[in-house]
């Protein structure tokens, strides 16, 4: 009987130790790890509604036709039109969003630089999804802008540029004369400038 109590306590030690570990592991002060947002600029084609993919392809082929026609221009001077000789090959498959855009001058536009293309529109949607998923978290919303939005293509062909933007370009020299140190229009942010492609270091943008 003298040895039964110590032996009994020893028998309970493993259970007690495990219980304590469980208690501390579930403590509210212990941080819970969650999977981080991946901030990808692409989406899985099979997860996108067919109607949306069809619309993207329609805009993509129109952009390709414009680039290969007279829609391409010097990114630093819209008046300098670049004639690429017309379209040689212009396809887009809504099923898997594969595409080809070849101009008659035997060059292939780098479609990631342009907004109304499959990669451009997909990146835009990935950015919007990121904003929706991380709504309310300012730090993550900024990452959505920095890691997705800033990587999206923003160039538009001459026929896609709005009349409002043309008017802005028309009055821009006068504005710079009146406000030599004012880089932004009223209420404009760096994001706004980026959406117009002013912060992008863009060139001709050819794959080959």
N, C-alpha and C. Protein backbone atom coordinates (compact mmCIF):
# COMPACT_ATOMS: atom_id res chain seq x y z
N UNK A 1 0.82 -1.21 0.00
CA UNK A 1 0.00 0.00 0.00
C UNK A 1 0.86 1.25 0.00
N UNK A 2 2.05 1.16 0.63
CA UNK A 2 2.91 2.33 0.68
C UNK A 2 3.40 2.73 -0.71
N UNK A 3 3.50 1.71 -1.61
CA UNK A 3 4.04 1.99 -2.95
C UNK A 3 2.94 2.23 -3.98
N UNK A 4 1.70 1.98 -3.61
CA UNK A 4 0.64 2.08 -4.60
C UNK A 4 0.38 3.53 -5.01
N UNK A 5 0.48 4.45 -4.03
CA UNK A 5 0.18 5.85 -4.35
C UNK A 5 1.22 6.46 -5.29
N UNK A 6 2.55 6.36 -5.00
CA UNK A 6 3.55 6.91 -5.92
C UNK A 6 3.47 6.31 -7.30
N UNK A 7 3.25 4.99 -7.35
CA UNK A 7 3.16 4.33 -8.65
C UNK A 7 1.95 4.82 -9.42
N UNK A 8 0.88 5.04 -8.69
CA UNK A 8 -0.33 5.53 -9.33
C UNK A 8 -0.12 6.93 -9.88
N UNK A 9 0.61 7.78 -9.14
CA UNK A 9 0.88 9.13 -9.61
C UNK A 9 1.78 9.12 -10.84
N UNK A 10 2.75 8.22 -10.80
CA UNK A 10 3.64 8.10 -11.95
C UNK A 10 2.87 7.67 -13.19
N UNK A 11 1.88 6.84 -12.97
CA UNK A 11 1.08 6.37 -14.10
C UNK A 11 0.26 7.49 -14.71
N UNK A 12 -0.06 8.51 -13.88
CA UNK A 12 -0.86 9.61 -14.39
C UNK A 12 -0.03 10.70 -15.07
N UNK A 13 1.32 10.67 -14.84
CA UNK A 13 2.16 11.72 -15.38
C UNK A 13 2.09 11.87 -16.90
N UNK A 14 2.17 10.79 -17.67
CA UNK A 14 2.10 10.95 -19.14
C UNK A 14 0.81 11.64 -19.56
N UNK A 15 -0.31 11.24 -18.96
CA UNK A 15 -1.60 11.83 -19.32
C UNK A 15 -1.65 13.31 -18.96
N UNK A 16 -1.10 13.62 -17.74
CA UNK A 16 -1.08 15.01 -17.29
C UNK A 16 -0.22 15.87 -18.17
N UNK A 17 0.95 15.36 -18.56
CA UNK A 17 1.86 16.10 -19.42
C UNK A 17 1.24 16.39 -20.78
N UNK A 18 0.59 15.39 -21.35
CA UNK A 18 -0.06 15.56 -22.65
C UNK A 18 -1.20 16.57 -22.54
N UNK A 19 -1.93 16.51 -21.43
CA UNK A 19 -3.04 17.44 -21.24
C UNK A 19 -2.55 18.87 -21.15
N UNK A 20 -1.41 19.08 -20.44
CA UNK A 20 -0.85 20.41 -20.33
C UNK A 20 -0.39 20.94 -21.68
N UNK A 21 0.23 20.05 -22.47
CA UNK A 21 0.66 20.45 -23.81
C UNK A 21 -0.53 20.88 -24.66
N UNK A 22 -1.61 20.12 -24.56
CA UNK A 22 -2.82 20.44 -25.31
C UNK A 22 -3.39 21.77 -24.87
N UNK A 23 -3.37 22.01 -23.55
CA UNK A 23 -3.90 23.25 -23.01
C UNK A 23 -3.13 24.46 -23.52
N UNK A 24 -1.77 24.36 -23.48
CA UNK A 24 -0.96 25.49 -23.92
C UNK A 24 -1.02 25.68 -25.44
N UNK A 25 -1.14 24.59 -26.18
CA UNK A 25 -1.21 24.71 -27.63
C UNK A 25 -2.49 25.36 -28.09
N UNK A 26 -3.53 25.30 -27.26
CA UNK A 26 -4.81 25.89 -27.63
C UNK A 26 -5.00 27.25 -26.98
N UNK A 27 -3.97 27.75 -26.31
CA UNK A 27 -4.08 29.03 -25.63
C UNK A 27 -4.40 30.14 -26.62
N UNK A 28 -5.28 31.08 -26.26
CA UNK A 28 -5.65 32.17 -27.17
C UNK A 28 -4.47 33.05 -27.56
N UNK A 29 -3.43 33.07 -26.72
CA UNK A 29 -2.28 33.91 -27.02
C UNK A 29 -1.38 33.32 -28.09
N UNK A 30 -1.58 32.03 -28.42
CA UNK A 30 -0.76 31.38 -29.44
C UNK A 30 -1.25 31.79 -30.81
N UNK A 31 -0.39 32.35 -31.67
CA UNK A 31 -0.82 32.79 -33.01
C UNK A 31 -1.22 31.61 -33.87
N UNK A 32 -2.29 31.76 -34.63
CA UNK A 32 -2.77 30.71 -35.52
C UNK A 32 -2.30 31.04 -36.93
N UNK A 33 -1.59 30.13 -37.55
CA UNK A 33 -1.06 30.36 -38.88
C UNK A 33 -2.15 30.12 -39.92
N UNK A 34 -2.27 31.05 -40.87
CA UNK A 34 -3.22 30.89 -41.97
C UNK A 34 -2.47 31.04 -43.28
N UNK A 35 -3.04 30.48 -44.32
CA UNK A 35 -2.38 30.56 -45.62
C UNK A 35 -2.43 31.99 -46.15
N UNK A 36 -1.31 32.47 -46.68
CA UNK A 36 -1.23 33.84 -47.18
C UNK A 36 -1.83 33.92 -48.58
N UNK A 37 -2.31 35.11 -48.94
CA UNK A 37 -2.85 35.33 -50.28
C UNK A 37 -1.71 35.24 -51.29
N UNK A 38 -1.93 34.62 -52.44
CA UNK A 38 -0.82 34.36 -53.36
C UNK A 38 -0.49 35.55 -54.28
N UNK A 39 -1.41 36.51 -54.42
CA UNK A 39 -1.19 37.71 -55.24
C UNK A 39 -0.75 37.37 -56.67
N UNK A 40 -1.38 36.41 -57.27
CA UNK A 40 -1.08 36.04 -58.65
C UNK A 40 -1.76 37.01 -59.62
N UNK A 41 -1.12 37.22 -60.76
CA UNK A 41 -1.69 38.11 -61.78
C UNK A 41 -2.50 37.33 -62.81
N UNK A 42 -2.58 36.01 -62.64
CA UNK A 42 -3.32 35.17 -63.57
C UNK A 42 -4.41 34.41 -62.83
N UNK A 43 -5.36 33.89 -63.59
CA UNK A 43 -6.44 33.09 -63.04
C UNK A 43 -6.51 31.77 -63.79
N UNK A 44 -7.14 30.78 -63.19
CA UNK A 44 -7.32 29.49 -63.86
C UNK A 44 -8.47 29.60 -64.86
N UNK A 45 -8.20 29.41 -66.16
CA UNK A 45 -9.24 29.60 -67.17
C UNK A 45 -10.51 28.80 -66.90
N UNK A 46 -10.38 27.57 -66.38
CA UNK A 46 -11.55 26.72 -66.15
C UNK A 46 -12.47 27.28 -65.07
N UNK A 47 -11.93 28.20 -64.23
CA UNK A 47 -12.73 28.78 -63.14
C UNK A 47 -13.44 30.06 -63.57
N UNK A 48 -13.20 30.50 -64.81
CA UNK A 48 -13.80 31.74 -65.31
C UNK A 48 -15.03 31.40 -66.15
N UNK A 49 -16.15 32.08 -65.95
CA UNK A 49 -17.36 31.81 -66.75
C UNK A 49 -17.08 31.96 -68.24
N UNK A 50 -17.67 31.08 -69.04
CA UNK A 50 -17.44 31.08 -70.48
C UNK A 50 -17.81 32.42 -71.12
N UNK A 51 -18.90 33.02 -70.66
CA UNK A 51 -19.33 34.30 -71.23
C UNK A 51 -18.26 35.38 -71.03
N UNK A 52 -17.62 35.36 -69.87
CA UNK A 52 -16.57 36.34 -69.60
C UNK A 52 -15.35 36.07 -70.47
N UNK A 53 -14.99 34.81 -70.61
CA UNK A 53 -13.84 34.46 -71.45
C UNK A 53 -14.10 34.82 -72.91
N UNK A 54 -15.34 34.63 -73.36
CA UNK A 54 -15.70 34.99 -74.73
C UNK A 54 -15.57 36.49 -74.94
N UNK A 55 -16.00 37.26 -73.96
CA UNK A 55 -15.89 38.71 -74.04
C UNK A 55 -14.42 39.13 -74.06
N UNK A 56 -13.60 38.50 -73.23
CA UNK A 56 -12.17 38.80 -73.22
C UNK A 56 -11.54 38.53 -74.57
N UNK A 57 -11.91 37.41 -75.17
CA UNK A 57 -11.36 37.05 -76.48
C UNK A 57 -11.78 38.06 -77.55
N UNK A 58 -13.02 38.52 -77.46
CA UNK A 58 -13.51 39.52 -78.42
C UNK A 58 -12.68 40.80 -78.32
N UNK A 59 -12.43 41.24 -77.10
CA UNK A 59 -11.63 42.45 -76.90
C UNK A 59 -10.17 42.22 -77.29
N UNK A 60 -9.69 41.01 -77.02
CA UNK A 60 -8.30 40.68 -77.33
C UNK A 60 -8.04 40.72 -78.83
N UNK A 61 -8.91 40.08 -79.61
CA UNK A 61 -8.71 40.05 -81.07
C UNK A 61 -8.87 41.45 -81.67
N UNK A 62 -9.77 42.26 -81.08
CA UNK A 62 -9.92 43.63 -81.56
C UNK A 62 -8.66 44.44 -81.29
N UNK A 63 -8.05 44.21 -80.13
CA UNK A 63 -6.81 44.91 -79.79
C UNK A 63 -5.68 44.48 -80.71
N UNK A 64 -5.61 43.18 -80.98
CA UNK A 64 -4.57 42.67 -81.88
C UNK A 64 -4.71 43.30 -83.26
N UNK A 65 -5.94 43.36 -83.77
CA UNK A 65 -6.18 43.95 -85.09
C UNK A 65 -5.78 45.42 -85.11
N UNK A 66 -6.04 46.12 -84.01
CA UNK A 66 -5.70 47.54 -83.93
C UNK A 66 -4.19 47.75 -83.85
N UNK A 67 -3.52 46.93 -83.03
CA UNK A 67 -2.06 47.04 -82.90
C UNK A 67 -1.38 46.80 -84.25
N UNK A 68 -1.83 45.77 -84.94
CA UNK A 68 -1.22 45.42 -86.23
C UNK A 68 -1.62 46.40 -87.33
N UNK A 69 -2.69 47.15 -87.09
CA UNK A 69 -3.12 48.15 -88.06
C UNK A 69 -2.46 49.49 -87.77
N UNK A 70 -3.28 50.47 -87.41
CA UNK A 70 -2.74 51.81 -87.14
C UNK A 70 -3.00 52.23 -85.69
N UNK A 71 -3.26 51.26 -84.81
CA UNK A 71 -3.53 51.58 -83.41
C UNK A 71 -2.29 51.68 -82.56
N UNK A 72 -1.17 51.15 -83.06
CA UNK A 72 0.07 51.22 -82.29
C UNK A 72 0.71 52.59 -82.48
N UNK A 73 1.41 53.04 -81.47
CA UNK A 73 2.02 54.36 -81.53
C UNK A 73 3.19 54.44 -80.58
N UNK A 74 3.99 55.46 -80.77
CA UNK A 74 5.09 55.72 -79.87
C UNK A 74 4.49 56.05 -78.49
N UNK A 75 4.83 55.29 -77.44
CA UNK A 75 4.23 55.51 -76.12
C UNK A 75 4.48 56.91 -75.55
N UNK A 76 5.46 57.61 -76.11
CA UNK A 76 5.77 58.95 -75.64
C UNK A 76 5.16 60.04 -76.53
N UNK A 77 4.54 59.60 -77.63
CA UNK A 77 3.92 60.57 -78.53
C UNK A 77 2.84 59.86 -79.34
N UNK A 78 1.59 60.06 -78.93
CA UNK A 78 0.47 59.37 -79.58
C UNK A 78 0.35 59.70 -81.06
N UNK A 79 0.85 60.87 -81.46
CA UNK A 79 0.72 61.29 -82.85
C UNK A 79 1.62 60.49 -83.79
N UNK A 80 2.64 59.85 -83.22
CA UNK A 80 3.56 59.06 -84.04
C UNK A 80 2.99 57.64 -84.22
N UNK A 81 2.19 57.48 -85.24
CA UNK A 81 1.52 56.21 -85.51
C UNK A 81 2.51 55.21 -86.11
N UNK A 82 2.41 53.97 -85.66
CA UNK A 82 3.28 52.91 -86.16
C UNK A 82 2.44 51.93 -86.97
N UNK A 83 2.71 51.81 -88.24
CA UNK A 83 1.96 50.91 -89.11
C UNK A 83 2.67 49.56 -89.16
N UNK A 84 2.00 48.53 -88.67
CA UNK A 84 2.60 47.20 -88.62
C UNK A 84 2.14 46.30 -89.77
N UNK A 85 1.50 46.90 -90.76
CA UNK A 85 1.18 46.15 -91.98
C UNK A 85 -0.08 45.32 -91.94
N UNK A 86 -0.86 45.40 -90.88
CA UNK A 86 -2.08 44.61 -90.80
C UNK A 86 -1.87 43.28 -90.08
N UNK A 87 -2.95 42.51 -89.97
CA UNK A 87 -2.92 41.25 -89.21
C UNK A 87 -2.53 40.08 -90.11
N UNK A 88 -1.64 39.25 -89.60
CA UNK A 88 -1.29 38.00 -90.28
C UNK A 88 -2.02 36.83 -89.63
N UNK A 89 -2.04 36.81 -88.30
CA UNK A 89 -2.74 35.76 -87.55
C UNK A 89 -3.32 36.37 -86.28
N UNK A 90 -4.61 36.11 -86.04
CA UNK A 90 -5.29 36.71 -84.89
C UNK A 90 -6.34 35.73 -84.37
N UNK A 91 -5.98 34.97 -83.33
CA UNK A 91 -6.90 33.97 -82.79
C UNK A 91 -6.97 34.07 -81.27
N UNK A 92 -8.10 33.60 -80.72
CA UNK A 92 -8.26 33.53 -79.27
C UNK A 92 -9.32 32.47 -78.98
N UNK A 93 -8.97 31.50 -78.18
CA UNK A 93 -9.86 30.38 -77.85
C UNK A 93 -10.50 30.62 -76.48
N UNK A 94 -11.81 30.86 -76.42
CA UNK A 94 -12.48 31.11 -75.14
C UNK A 94 -12.40 29.94 -74.16
N UNK A 95 -12.22 28.74 -74.68
CA UNK A 95 -12.20 27.57 -73.79
C UNK A 95 -11.02 27.62 -72.83
N UNK A 96 -9.83 27.88 -73.35
CA UNK A 96 -8.64 27.87 -72.50
C UNK A 96 -7.87 29.20 -72.54
N UNK A 97 -8.43 30.18 -73.27
CA UNK A 97 -7.84 31.52 -73.36
C UNK A 97 -6.43 31.53 -73.98
N UNK A 98 -6.16 30.57 -74.85
CA UNK A 98 -4.91 30.62 -75.61
C UNK A 98 -5.12 31.55 -76.81
N UNK A 99 -4.07 32.21 -77.24
CA UNK A 99 -4.22 33.19 -78.31
C UNK A 99 -2.94 33.33 -79.12
N UNK A 100 -3.09 33.92 -80.30
CA UNK A 100 -1.95 34.24 -81.15
C UNK A 100 -2.24 35.58 -81.82
N UNK A 101 -1.23 36.42 -81.87
CA UNK A 101 -1.35 37.71 -82.55
C UNK A 101 -0.06 37.98 -83.31
N UNK A 102 -0.13 37.83 -84.63
CA UNK A 102 1.03 38.05 -85.48
C UNK A 102 0.70 39.15 -86.48
N UNK A 103 1.55 40.13 -86.60
CA UNK A 103 1.36 41.20 -87.57
C UNK A 103 2.04 40.86 -88.89
N UNK A 104 1.68 41.57 -89.94
CA UNK A 104 2.23 41.28 -91.26
C UNK A 104 3.70 41.62 -91.38
N UNK A 105 4.22 42.39 -90.44
CA UNK A 105 5.65 42.67 -90.49
C UNK A 105 6.45 41.57 -89.78
N UNK A 106 5.75 40.44 -89.55
CA UNK A 106 6.37 39.24 -88.95
C UNK A 106 6.82 39.47 -87.51
N UNK A 107 6.16 40.37 -86.82
CA UNK A 107 6.48 40.58 -85.41
C UNK A 107 5.25 40.28 -84.57
N UNK A 108 5.51 39.89 -83.31
CA UNK A 108 4.43 39.49 -82.41
C UNK A 108 4.32 40.49 -81.25
N UNK A 109 3.23 41.21 -81.17
CA UNK A 109 3.08 42.16 -80.05
C UNK A 109 3.12 41.45 -78.71
N UNK A 110 3.75 42.06 -77.74
CA UNK A 110 3.79 41.52 -76.38
C UNK A 110 2.50 41.94 -75.71
N UNK A 111 1.50 41.05 -75.73
CA UNK A 111 0.14 41.41 -75.34
C UNK A 111 -0.02 41.74 -73.86
N UNK A 112 0.94 41.31 -73.02
CA UNK A 112 0.87 41.61 -71.58
C UNK A 112 0.95 43.11 -71.29
N UNK A 113 1.46 43.89 -72.25
CA UNK A 113 1.59 45.32 -72.04
C UNK A 113 0.29 46.07 -72.28
N UNK A 114 -0.66 45.41 -72.95
CA UNK A 114 -1.89 46.08 -73.35
C UNK A 114 -3.04 45.70 -72.42
N UNK A 115 -3.95 46.66 -72.22
CA UNK A 115 -5.03 46.45 -71.24
C UNK A 115 -6.13 45.53 -71.77
N UNK A 116 -6.66 45.81 -72.95
CA UNK A 116 -7.81 45.05 -73.47
C UNK A 116 -7.35 43.80 -74.21
N UNK A 117 -6.63 42.96 -73.48
CA UNK A 117 -6.16 41.67 -74.00
C UNK A 117 -6.46 40.61 -72.95
N UNK A 118 -6.28 39.36 -73.31
CA UNK A 118 -6.51 38.28 -72.34
C UNK A 118 -5.64 38.46 -71.09
N UNK A 119 -4.31 38.62 -71.22
CA UNK A 119 -3.51 38.81 -70.00
C UNK A 119 -3.83 40.09 -69.26
N UNK A 120 -4.15 41.16 -69.99
CA UNK A 120 -4.46 42.43 -69.35
C UNK A 120 -5.76 42.38 -68.57
N UNK A 121 -6.81 41.83 -69.19
CA UNK A 121 -8.11 41.75 -68.53
C UNK A 121 -8.11 40.72 -67.40
N UNK A 122 -7.35 39.64 -67.58
CA UNK A 122 -7.26 38.63 -66.53
C UNK A 122 -6.55 39.20 -65.31
N UNK A 123 -5.49 39.96 -65.54
CA UNK A 123 -4.76 40.59 -64.44
C UNK A 123 -5.66 41.57 -63.71
N UNK A 124 -6.46 42.32 -64.46
CA UNK A 124 -7.40 43.27 -63.86
C UNK A 124 -8.41 42.56 -62.97
N UNK A 125 -8.90 41.40 -63.45
CA UNK A 125 -9.87 40.63 -62.66
C UNK A 125 -9.21 40.05 -61.41
N UNK A 126 -7.95 39.61 -61.55
CA UNK A 126 -7.23 39.07 -60.39
C UNK A 126 -7.06 40.15 -59.33
N UNK A 127 -6.82 41.38 -59.78
CA UNK A 127 -6.69 42.52 -58.85
C UNK A 127 -8.00 42.79 -58.14
N UNK A 128 -9.11 42.78 -58.88
CA UNK A 128 -10.43 43.02 -58.28
C UNK A 128 -10.79 41.91 -57.29
N UNK A 129 -10.44 40.68 -57.63
CA UNK A 129 -10.69 39.56 -56.72
C UNK A 129 -9.89 39.73 -55.45
N UNK A 130 -8.67 40.21 -55.59
CA UNK A 130 -7.79 40.44 -54.43
C UNK A 130 -8.40 41.50 -53.52
N UNK A 131 -8.90 42.57 -54.10
CA UNK A 131 -9.53 43.64 -53.31
C UNK A 131 -10.76 43.11 -52.57
N UNK A 132 -11.55 42.29 -53.25
CA UNK A 132 -12.76 41.75 -52.65
C UNK A 132 -12.43 40.80 -51.51
N UNK A 133 -11.44 39.94 -51.71
CA UNK A 133 -11.06 38.95 -50.71
C UNK A 133 -10.47 39.61 -49.46
N UNK A 134 -9.70 40.65 -49.67
CA UNK A 134 -8.98 41.29 -48.55
C UNK A 134 -9.61 42.60 -48.10
N UNK A 135 -10.88 42.76 -48.38
CA UNK A 135 -11.60 43.98 -48.01
C UNK A 135 -11.50 44.23 -46.50
N UNK A 136 -11.16 45.46 -46.15
CA UNK A 136 -11.06 45.82 -44.74
C UNK A 136 -9.65 45.75 -44.18
N UNK A 137 -8.72 45.15 -44.93
CA UNK A 137 -7.33 45.05 -44.48
C UNK A 137 -6.48 45.97 -45.34
N UNK A 138 -6.18 47.15 -44.84
CA UNK A 138 -5.47 48.15 -45.62
C UNK A 138 -4.10 47.68 -46.10
N UNK A 139 -3.41 46.92 -45.25
CA UNK A 139 -2.07 46.43 -45.61
C UNK A 139 -2.15 45.48 -46.80
N UNK A 140 -3.12 44.55 -46.77
CA UNK A 140 -3.27 43.60 -47.87
C UNK A 140 -3.80 44.27 -49.12
N UNK A 141 -4.65 45.26 -48.97
CA UNK A 141 -5.18 45.99 -50.13
C UNK A 141 -4.04 46.71 -50.85
N UNK A 142 -3.11 47.23 -50.08
CA UNK A 142 -1.94 47.88 -50.71
C UNK A 142 -1.11 46.86 -51.46
N UNK A 143 -1.01 45.65 -50.91
CA UNK A 143 -0.27 44.60 -51.60
C UNK A 143 -0.98 44.19 -52.88
N UNK A 144 -2.30 44.24 -52.87
CA UNK A 144 -3.06 43.96 -54.10
C UNK A 144 -2.64 44.94 -55.20
N UNK A 145 -2.50 46.21 -54.82
CA UNK A 145 -2.08 47.23 -55.78
C UNK A 145 -0.64 47.02 -56.23
N UNK A 146 0.24 46.80 -55.25
CA UNK A 146 1.66 46.71 -55.55
C UNK A 146 2.05 45.43 -56.28
N UNK A 147 1.43 44.31 -55.89
CA UNK A 147 1.86 43.02 -56.42
C UNK A 147 1.02 42.52 -57.61
N UNK A 148 -0.13 43.15 -57.83
CA UNK A 148 -0.97 42.72 -58.95
C UNK A 148 -1.23 43.88 -59.91
N UNK A 149 -1.90 44.92 -59.40
CA UNK A 149 -2.33 46.02 -60.26
C UNK A 149 -1.18 46.65 -61.04
N UNK A 150 -0.06 46.86 -60.39
CA UNK A 150 1.07 47.51 -61.04
C UNK A 150 1.72 46.64 -62.11
N UNK A 151 1.39 45.36 -62.11
CA UNK A 151 1.95 44.45 -63.11
C UNK A 151 1.02 44.26 -64.30
N UNK A 152 -0.20 44.79 -64.20
CA UNK A 152 -1.16 44.63 -65.29
C UNK A 152 -0.82 45.56 -66.46
N UNK A 153 -1.11 45.09 -67.66
CA UNK A 153 -0.90 45.91 -68.84
C UNK A 153 -1.85 47.09 -68.85
N UNK A 154 -1.35 48.27 -69.20
CA UNK A 154 -2.18 49.47 -69.21
C UNK A 154 -2.21 50.20 -70.55
N UNK A 155 -1.43 49.75 -71.50
CA UNK A 155 -1.43 50.42 -72.79
C UNK A 155 -2.74 50.18 -73.53
N UNK A 156 -3.18 51.18 -74.23
CA UNK A 156 -4.38 51.05 -75.06
C UNK A 156 -4.08 51.56 -76.46
N UNK A 157 -4.73 50.99 -77.43
CA UNK A 157 -4.50 51.42 -78.81
C UNK A 157 -5.12 52.80 -79.01
N UNK A 158 -4.77 53.45 -80.09
CA UNK A 158 -5.23 54.82 -80.33
C UNK A 158 -6.76 54.92 -80.33
N UNK A 159 -7.43 53.92 -80.86
CA UNK A 159 -8.90 53.96 -80.91
C UNK A 159 -9.53 53.62 -79.57
N UNK A 160 -8.74 53.13 -78.61
CA UNK A 160 -9.28 52.79 -77.29
C UNK A 160 -9.10 53.92 -76.29
N UNK A 161 -8.28 54.90 -76.62
CA UNK A 161 -8.06 56.03 -75.73
C UNK A 161 -9.29 56.93 -75.78
N UNK A 162 -9.81 57.32 -74.66
CA UNK A 162 -11.05 58.08 -74.60
C UNK A 162 -10.85 59.54 -75.00
N UNK A 163 -11.94 60.16 -75.40
CA UNK A 163 -11.90 61.58 -75.78
C UNK A 163 -11.45 62.44 -74.60
N UNK A 164 -11.86 62.04 -73.37
CA UNK A 164 -11.49 62.80 -72.18
C UNK A 164 -9.97 62.83 -72.02
N UNK A 165 -9.33 61.69 -72.26
CA UNK A 165 -7.87 61.63 -72.14
C UNK A 165 -7.20 62.45 -73.23
N UNK A 166 -7.80 62.48 -74.43
CA UNK A 166 -7.24 63.30 -75.50
C UNK A 166 -7.32 64.79 -75.14
N UNK A 167 -8.44 65.17 -74.51
CA UNK A 167 -8.59 66.56 -74.09
C UNK A 167 -7.56 66.90 -73.02
N UNK A 168 -7.30 65.92 -72.12
CA UNK A 168 -6.29 66.14 -71.08
C UNK A 168 -4.92 66.36 -71.70
N UNK A 169 -4.58 65.55 -72.70
CA UNK A 169 -3.29 65.68 -73.36
C UNK A 169 -3.21 67.01 -74.09
N UNK A 170 -4.36 67.49 -74.62
CA UNK A 170 -4.39 68.74 -75.36
C UNK A 170 -4.07 69.92 -74.44
N UNK A 171 -4.65 69.90 -73.22
CA UNK A 171 -4.47 71.01 -72.28
C UNK A 171 -3.29 70.80 -71.33
N UNK A 172 -2.64 69.67 -71.42
CA UNK A 172 -1.53 69.37 -70.52
C UNK A 172 -0.41 70.40 -70.58
N UNK A 173 0.03 70.85 -71.78
CA UNK A 173 1.11 71.86 -71.84
C UNK A 173 0.75 73.14 -71.10
N UNK A 174 -0.53 73.59 -71.24
CA UNK A 174 -0.96 74.80 -70.56
C UNK A 174 -0.95 74.60 -69.05
N UNK A 175 -1.37 73.42 -68.60
CA UNK A 175 -1.37 73.12 -67.18
C UNK A 175 0.03 73.12 -66.60
N UNK A 176 0.98 72.57 -67.37
CA UNK A 176 2.36 72.53 -66.91
C UNK A 176 2.96 73.93 -66.85
N UNK A 177 2.47 74.82 -67.75
CA UNK A 177 2.96 76.19 -67.75
C UNK A 177 2.42 76.96 -66.54
N UNK A 178 1.13 76.75 -66.23
CA UNK A 178 0.49 77.45 -65.11
C UNK A 178 0.91 76.87 -63.76
N UNK A 179 1.11 75.53 -63.74
CA UNK A 179 1.46 74.87 -62.48
C UNK A 179 2.72 74.04 -62.70
N UNK A 180 3.87 74.70 -62.81
CA UNK A 180 5.11 73.99 -63.12
C UNK A 180 5.52 72.96 -62.08
N UNK A 181 5.06 73.10 -60.85
CA UNK A 181 5.44 72.15 -59.80
C UNK A 181 4.28 71.25 -59.40
N UNK A 182 3.21 71.32 -60.12
CA UNK A 182 2.04 70.49 -59.78
C UNK A 182 1.94 69.32 -60.74
N UNK A 183 2.37 68.17 -60.27
CA UNK A 183 2.40 67.00 -61.15
C UNK A 183 1.06 66.30 -61.30
N UNK A 184 0.12 66.53 -60.37
CA UNK A 184 -1.14 65.81 -60.42
C UNK A 184 -2.29 66.74 -60.75
N UNK A 185 -3.29 66.18 -61.39
CA UNK A 185 -4.54 66.90 -61.51
C UNK A 185 -5.24 66.85 -60.16
N UNK A 186 -6.23 67.69 -59.96
CA UNK A 186 -6.91 67.76 -58.66
C UNK A 186 -7.47 66.39 -58.29
N UNK A 187 -7.11 65.94 -57.07
CA UNK A 187 -7.64 64.69 -56.56
C UNK A 187 -6.98 63.46 -57.14
N UNK A 188 -5.93 63.64 -57.94
CA UNK A 188 -5.31 62.49 -58.58
C UNK A 188 -4.21 61.92 -57.70
N UNK A 189 -4.05 60.61 -57.74
CA UNK A 189 -3.01 59.93 -56.98
C UNK A 189 -2.05 59.26 -57.95
N UNK A 190 -0.98 58.68 -57.39
CA UNK A 190 -0.05 57.93 -58.24
C UNK A 190 -0.75 56.76 -58.90
N UNK A 191 -1.75 56.17 -58.20
CA UNK A 191 -2.49 55.06 -58.80
C UNK A 191 -3.23 55.54 -60.03
N UNK A 192 -3.80 56.74 -59.96
CA UNK A 192 -4.51 57.29 -61.11
C UNK A 192 -3.59 57.49 -62.29
N UNK A 193 -2.39 58.00 -62.02
CA UNK A 193 -1.42 58.18 -63.08
C UNK A 193 -1.02 56.84 -63.67
N UNK A 194 -0.89 55.83 -62.81
CA UNK A 194 -0.48 54.52 -63.28
C UNK A 194 -1.55 53.91 -64.19
N UNK A 195 -2.82 54.16 -63.88
CA UNK A 195 -3.90 53.60 -64.68
C UNK A 195 -3.87 54.16 -66.09
N UNK A 196 -3.32 55.36 -66.26
CA UNK A 196 -3.21 55.91 -67.60
C UNK A 196 -1.88 55.52 -68.25
N UNK A 197 -1.06 54.78 -67.52
CA UNK A 197 0.20 54.32 -68.08
C UNK A 197 1.32 55.32 -67.99
N UNK A 198 1.15 56.40 -67.20
CA UNK A 198 2.17 57.43 -67.15
C UNK A 198 3.40 57.01 -66.37
N UNK A 199 3.25 56.04 -65.48
CA UNK A 199 4.39 55.62 -64.67
C UNK A 199 5.08 54.38 -65.24
N UNK A 200 4.57 53.88 -66.36
CA UNK A 200 5.13 52.66 -66.92
C UNK A 200 6.27 53.00 -67.88
N UNK A 201 7.33 52.23 -67.77
CA UNK A 201 8.44 52.38 -68.70
C UNK A 201 8.15 51.44 -69.87
N UNK A 202 7.36 51.91 -70.84
CA UNK A 202 6.93 51.04 -71.92
C UNK A 202 7.71 51.36 -73.18
N UNK A 203 7.92 50.31 -73.98
CA UNK A 203 8.57 50.49 -75.25
C UNK A 203 7.66 49.95 -76.33
N UNK A 204 8.24 49.49 -77.42
CA UNK A 204 7.44 48.96 -78.51
C UNK A 204 6.68 47.72 -78.05
N UNK A 205 7.33 46.88 -77.24
CA UNK A 205 6.65 45.72 -76.69
C UNK A 205 6.45 44.60 -77.70
N UNK A 206 7.53 44.02 -78.15
CA UNK A 206 7.45 42.91 -79.10
C UNK A 206 8.08 41.67 -78.50
N UNK A 207 7.47 40.52 -78.80
CA UNK A 207 8.03 39.25 -78.34
C UNK A 207 9.20 38.84 -79.21
N UNK A 208 9.14 39.20 -80.44
CA UNK A 208 10.23 38.82 -81.36
C UNK A 208 10.32 39.82 -82.50
